C-alpha atoms as a PDB file:
ATOM      1  CA  MET A   1       2.584  41.780  -0.371  1.00  0.00           C
ATOM      2  CA  ASP A   2       1.921  40.691  -3.947  1.00  0.00           C
ATOM      3  CA  SER A   3      -0.767  38.214  -4.982  1.00  0.00           C
ATOM      4  CA  ARG A   4       1.728  35.325  -5.210  1.00  0.00           C
ATOM      5  CA  GLY A   5       2.821  35.865  -1.617  1.00  0.00           C
ATOM      6  CA  ALA A   6      -0.778  35.884  -0.424  1.00  0.00           C
ATOM      7  CA  VAL A   7      -1.530  32.679  -2.343  1.00  0.00           C
ATOM      8  CA  ARG A   8       1.532  31.009  -0.851  1.00  0.00           C
ATOM      9  CA  GLU A   9       0.492  31.996   2.659  1.00  0.00           C
ATOM     10  CA  GLN A  10      -3.022  30.631   2.073  1.00  0.00           C
ATOM     11  CA  LEU A  11      -1.595  27.387   0.708  1.00  0.00           C
ATOM     12  CA  ALA A  12       0.814  27.037   3.655  1.00  0.00           C
ATOM     13  CA  ALA A  13      -2.049  27.637   6.112  1.00  0.00           C
ATOM     14  CA  ARG A  14      -4.202  25.013   4.358  1.00  0.00           C
ATOM     15  CA  GLN A  15      -1.323  22.505   4.395  1.00  0.00           C
ATOM     16  CA  ARG A  16      -0.855  23.054   8.151  1.00  0.00           C
ATOM     17  CA  GLU A  17      -4.589  22.485   8.718  1.00  0.00           C
ATOM     18  CA  VAL A  18      -4.564  19.276   6.669  1.00  0.00           C
ATOM     19  CA  LEU A  19      -1.455  17.969   8.431  1.00  0.00           C
ATOM     20  CA  ASP A  20      -2.874  18.823  11.873  1.00  0.00           C
ATOM     21  CA  ASP A  21      -6.096  16.975  11.009  1.00  0.00           C
ATOM     22  CA  LEU A  22      -4.213  13.937   9.729  1.00  0.00           C
ATOM     23  CA  LEU A  23      -1.941  13.749  12.763  1.00  0.00           C
ATOM     24  CA  ALA A  24      -4.948  14.029  15.074  1.00  0.00           C
ATOM     25  CA  GLY A  25      -6.710  11.200  13.220  1.00  0.00           C
ATOM     26  CA  ARG A  26      -9.401  13.442  11.741  1.00  0.00           C
ATOM     27  CA  THR A  27     -10.436  13.445   8.078  1.00  0.00           C
ATOM     28  CA  PRO A  28      -9.729  16.858   6.538  1.00  0.00           C
ATOM     29  CA  PRO A  29     -12.550  18.387   4.466  1.00  0.00           C
ATOM     30  CA  GLY A  30     -12.461  17.101   0.899  1.00  0.00           C
ATOM     31  CA  PHE A  31     -10.459  13.953   1.708  1.00  0.00           C
ATOM     32  CA  GLU A  32     -11.471  10.310   1.594  1.00  0.00           C
ATOM     33  CA  PRO A  33     -11.698   8.654   5.069  1.00  0.00           C
ATOM     34  CA  ALA A  34     -10.053   5.371   3.992  1.00  0.00           C
ATOM     35  CA  GLY A  35      -7.041   7.178   2.577  1.00  0.00           C
ATOM     36  CA  THR A  36      -6.637   9.428   5.576  1.00  0.00           C
ATOM     37  CA  THR A  37      -6.532   6.475   7.978  1.00  0.00           C
ATOM     38  CA  ALA A  38      -3.578   4.985   6.114  1.00  0.00           C
ATOM     39  CA  THR A  39      -1.883   8.379   5.855  1.00  0.00           C
ATOM     40  CA  THR A  40      -2.332   8.974   9.593  1.00  0.00           C
ATOM     41  CA  ARG A  41      -0.666   5.622  10.355  1.00  0.00           C
ATOM     42  CA  VAL A  42       2.259   6.487   8.075  1.00  0.00           C
ATOM     43  CA  LEU A  43       2.690   9.941   9.625  1.00  0.00           C
ATOM     44  CA  HIS A  44       2.565   8.521  13.171  1.00  0.00           C
ATOM     45  CA  HIS A  45       5.138   5.881  12.216  1.00  0.00           C
ATOM     46  CA  LYS A  46       7.379   8.581  10.722  1.00  0.00           C
ATOM     47  CA  ARG A  47       7.050  10.660  13.887  1.00  0.00           C
ATOM     48  CA  SER A  48       7.782   7.676  16.149  1.00  0.00           C
ATOM     49  CA  SER A  49      10.789   6.697  14.007  1.00  0.00           C
ATOM     50  CA  ALA A  50      12.173  10.216  14.405  1.00  0.00           C
ATOM     51  CA  ALA A  51      11.643   9.923  18.171  1.00  0.00           C
ATOM     52  CA  GLU A  52      13.414   6.556  18.213  1.00  0.00           C
ATOM     53  CA  HIS A  53      16.319   8.031  16.258  1.00  0.00           C
ATOM     54  CA  ALA A  54      16.546  10.866  18.788  1.00  0.00           C
ATOM     55  CA  ALA A  55      16.259   8.508  21.778  1.00  0.00           C
ATOM     56  CA  PRO A  56      17.248   4.880  21.044  1.00  0.00           C
ATOM     57  CA  GLU A  57      16.537   3.933  24.666  1.00  0.00           C
ATOM     58  CA  LEU A  58      12.827   3.976  23.777  1.00  0.00           C
ATOM     59  CA  ASP A  59      13.307   0.416  22.552  1.00  0.00           C
ATOM     60  CA  LEU A  60      13.702  -0.600  26.206  1.00  0.00           C
ATOM     61  CA  LEU A  61      10.153   0.576  26.955  1.00  0.00           C
ATOM     62  CA  PRO A  62       7.623  -2.230  26.391  1.00  0.00           C
ATOM     63  CA  ASP A  63       5.126  -1.487  23.602  1.00  0.00           C
ATOM     64  CA  TRP A  64       6.467   2.032  23.319  1.00  0.00           C
ATOM     65  CA  ARG A  65       5.513   2.606  19.679  1.00  0.00           C
ATOM     66  CA  ALA A  66       1.786   1.911  20.232  1.00  0.00           C
ATOM     67  CA  ARG A  67       1.846   4.066  23.352  1.00  0.00           C
ATOM     68  CA  PHE A  68       3.637   6.825  21.442  1.00  0.00           C
ATOM     69  CA  HIS A  69       1.063   6.710  18.615  1.00  0.00           C
ATOM     70  CA  THR A  70      -1.776   7.052  21.133  1.00  0.00           C
ATOM     71  CA  TRP A  71       0.019   9.957  22.776  1.00  0.00           C
ATOM     72  CA  ALA A  72       0.887  11.604  19.436  1.00  0.00           C
ATOM     73  CA  ALA A  73      -2.753  11.589  18.314  1.00  0.00           C
ATOM     74  CA  GLN A  74      -3.568  13.775  21.343  1.00  0.00           C
ATOM     75  CA  HIS A  75      -0.483  16.026  21.144  1.00  0.00           C
ATOM     76  CA  PRO A  76       0.339  17.892  17.926  1.00  0.00           C
ATOM     77  CA  GLN A  77       4.035  18.221  17.243  1.00  0.00           C
ATOM     78  CA  GLN A  78       5.331  21.470  18.742  1.00  0.00           C
ATOM     79  CA  GLY A  79       9.009  21.193  17.982  1.00  0.00           C
ATOM     80  CA  CYS A  80      11.541  18.559  17.017  1.00  0.00           C
ATOM     81  CA  ALA A  81      11.759  14.842  17.821  1.00  0.00           C
ATOM     82  CA  HIS A  82      13.710  15.566  21.025  1.00  0.00           C
ATOM     83  CA  ASP A  83      10.801  17.691  22.268  1.00  0.00           C
ATOM     84  CA  ASP A  84       8.411  14.853  21.396  1.00  0.00           C
ATOM     85  CA  VAL A  85      10.495  12.355  23.383  1.00  0.00           C
ATOM     86  CA  ARG A  86      10.711  14.586  26.445  1.00  0.00           C
ATOM     87  CA  ASP A  87       6.966  15.343  26.410  1.00  0.00           C
ATOM     88  CA  PHE A  88       6.075  11.688  25.829  1.00  0.00           C
ATOM     89  CA  LEU A  89       8.340  10.424  28.608  1.00  0.00           C
ATOM     90  CA  THR A  90       6.878  12.856  31.137  1.00  0.00           C
ATOM     91  CA  THR A  91       3.527  11.106  30.637  1.00  0.00           C
ATOM     92  CA  ILE A  92       5.113   7.642  31.030  1.00  0.00           C
ATOM     93  CA  GLY A  93       6.888   8.262  34.324  1.00  0.00           C
ATOM     94  CA  ALA A  94       9.775  10.032  35.974  1.00  0.00           C
ATOM     95  CA  ASP A  95      12.118   7.026  35.877  1.00  0.00           C
ATOM     96  CA  TRP A  96      11.962   6.878  32.061  1.00  0.00           C
ATOM     97  CA  LEU A  97      12.641  10.593  31.878  1.00  0.00           C
ATOM     98  CA  ARG A  98      15.714  10.059  34.086  1.00  0.00           C
ATOM     99  CA  LEU A  99      16.866   7.263  31.762  1.00  0.00           C
ATOM    100  CA  HIS A 100      16.525   9.626  28.798  1.00  0.00           C
ATOM    101  CA  GLU A 101      18.604  12.229  30.640  1.00  0.00           C
ATOM    102  CA  VAL A 102      21.394   9.659  31.072  1.00  0.00           C
ATOM    103  CA  TYR A 103      21.359   9.014  27.318  1.00  0.00           C
ATOM    104  CA  GLU A 104      21.406  12.772  26.660  1.00  0.00           C
ATOM    105  CA  GLY A 105      24.419  13.155  28.964  1.00  0.00           C
ATOM    106  CA  ARG A 106      22.619  15.463  31.411  1.00  0.00           C
ATOM    107  CA  ARG A 107      22.589  12.835  34.154  1.00  0.00           C
ATOM    108  CA  ARG A 108      25.068  10.099  35.163  1.00  0.00           C
ATOM    109  CA  LEU A 109      22.746   7.596  36.892  1.00  0.00           C
ATOM    110  CA  ALA A 110      19.163   6.417  36.600  1.00  0.00           C
ATOM    111  CA  LEU A 111      17.358   3.630  38.388  1.00  0.00           C
ATOM    112  CA  THR A 112      14.532   2.235  36.240  1.00  0.00           C
ATOM    113  CA  ARG A 113      12.425  -0.873  35.811  1.00  0.00           C
ATOM    114  CA  ILE A 114      13.057  -2.567  32.459  1.00  0.00           C
ATOM    115  CA  ALA A 115      11.246  -5.800  31.586  1.00  0.00           C
ATOM    116  CA  GLY A 116      10.187  -6.169  35.216  1.00  0.00           C
ATOM    117  CA  ARG A 117      13.719  -5.859  36.620  1.00  0.00           C
ATOM    118  CA  ARG A 118      15.330  -2.953  38.428  1.00  0.00           C
ATOM    119  CA  VAL A 119      18.172  -1.621  36.300  1.00  0.00           C
ATOM    120  CA  LEU A 120      20.844   0.891  37.216  1.00  0.00           C
ATOM    121  CA  THR A 121      21.877   2.825  34.109  1.00  0.00           C
ATOM    122  CA  ILE A 122      25.241   4.561  34.240  1.00  0.00           C
ATOM    123  CA  GLY A 123      26.453   7.011  31.633  1.00  0.00           C
ATOM    124  CA  LEU A 124      30.069   8.102  31.410  1.00  0.00           C
ATOM    125  CA  GLY A 125      31.104   9.993  28.318  1.00  0.00           C
ATOM    126  CA  SER A 126      29.745   8.165  25.302  1.00  0.00           C
ATOM    127  CA  GLN A 127      29.400   4.850  27.179  1.00  0.00           C
ATOM    128  CA  ILE A 128      26.113   3.631  28.694  1.00  0.00           C
ATOM    129  CA  TRP A 129      25.914   0.607  30.997  1.00  0.00           C
ATOM    130  CA  HIS A 130      22.794  -1.176  32.232  1.00  0.00           C
ATOM    131  CA  LEU A 131      23.498  -3.056  35.449  1.00  0.00           C
ATOM    132  CA  THR A 132      21.067  -5.511  36.997  1.00  0.00           C
ATOM    133  CA  ARG A 133      21.273  -7.300  40.290  1.00  0.00           C
ATOM    134  CA  ARG A 134      21.784 -10.986  39.806  1.00  0.00           C
ATOM    135  CA  THR A 135      20.730 -13.534  42.323  1.00  0.00           C
ATOM    136  CA  TRP A 136      22.770 -16.668  42.379  1.00  0.00           C
ATOM    137  CA  LYS A 137      21.135 -19.866  43.434  1.00  0.00           C
ATOM    138  CA  ARG A 138      23.120 -22.875  44.384  1.00  0.00           C
ATOM    139  CA  SER A 139      21.613 -26.223  43.923  1.00  0.00           C
ATOM    140  CA  PHE A 140      22.892 -29.028  46.036  1.00  0.00           C
ATOM    141  CA  THR A 141      22.818 -32.583  44.828  1.00  0.00           C
ATOM    142  CA  TRP A 142      22.933 -35.169  47.551  1.00  0.00           C
ATOM    143  CA  LYS A 143      24.314 -38.525  46.629  1.00  0.00           C
ATOM    144  CA  SER A 144      23.488 -41.508  48.756  1.00  0.00           C
END
């Protein structure tokens, strides 16, 4: 390997170290702490946006972005956004993982709790339906 190749490998290794530190919320050696905090927020937002693009059903999960950022700080990215979503949802609960599988087309039905209500999610082809049980109340007005 020539000297340019060795320099490139060293630079790539240093860039990976810096990125790993930033994503974990640590200040890399030689960097200013105030700047790294802002950069970490931007990188976490970029990672969560990629996850949302891969799995739009994340919007149904209350406060998912803050929960994802907390999770992402503890888990360095190992693959693509789809891998992030799957790993994140396994920590949230099995019902959210089942919902994700409906959106991926690997499952037809999932029963989940969304906004405090039980929801049956059905996926057929490219269509996704969220069905909730409605309770009808009748009010009687008595006239005298």
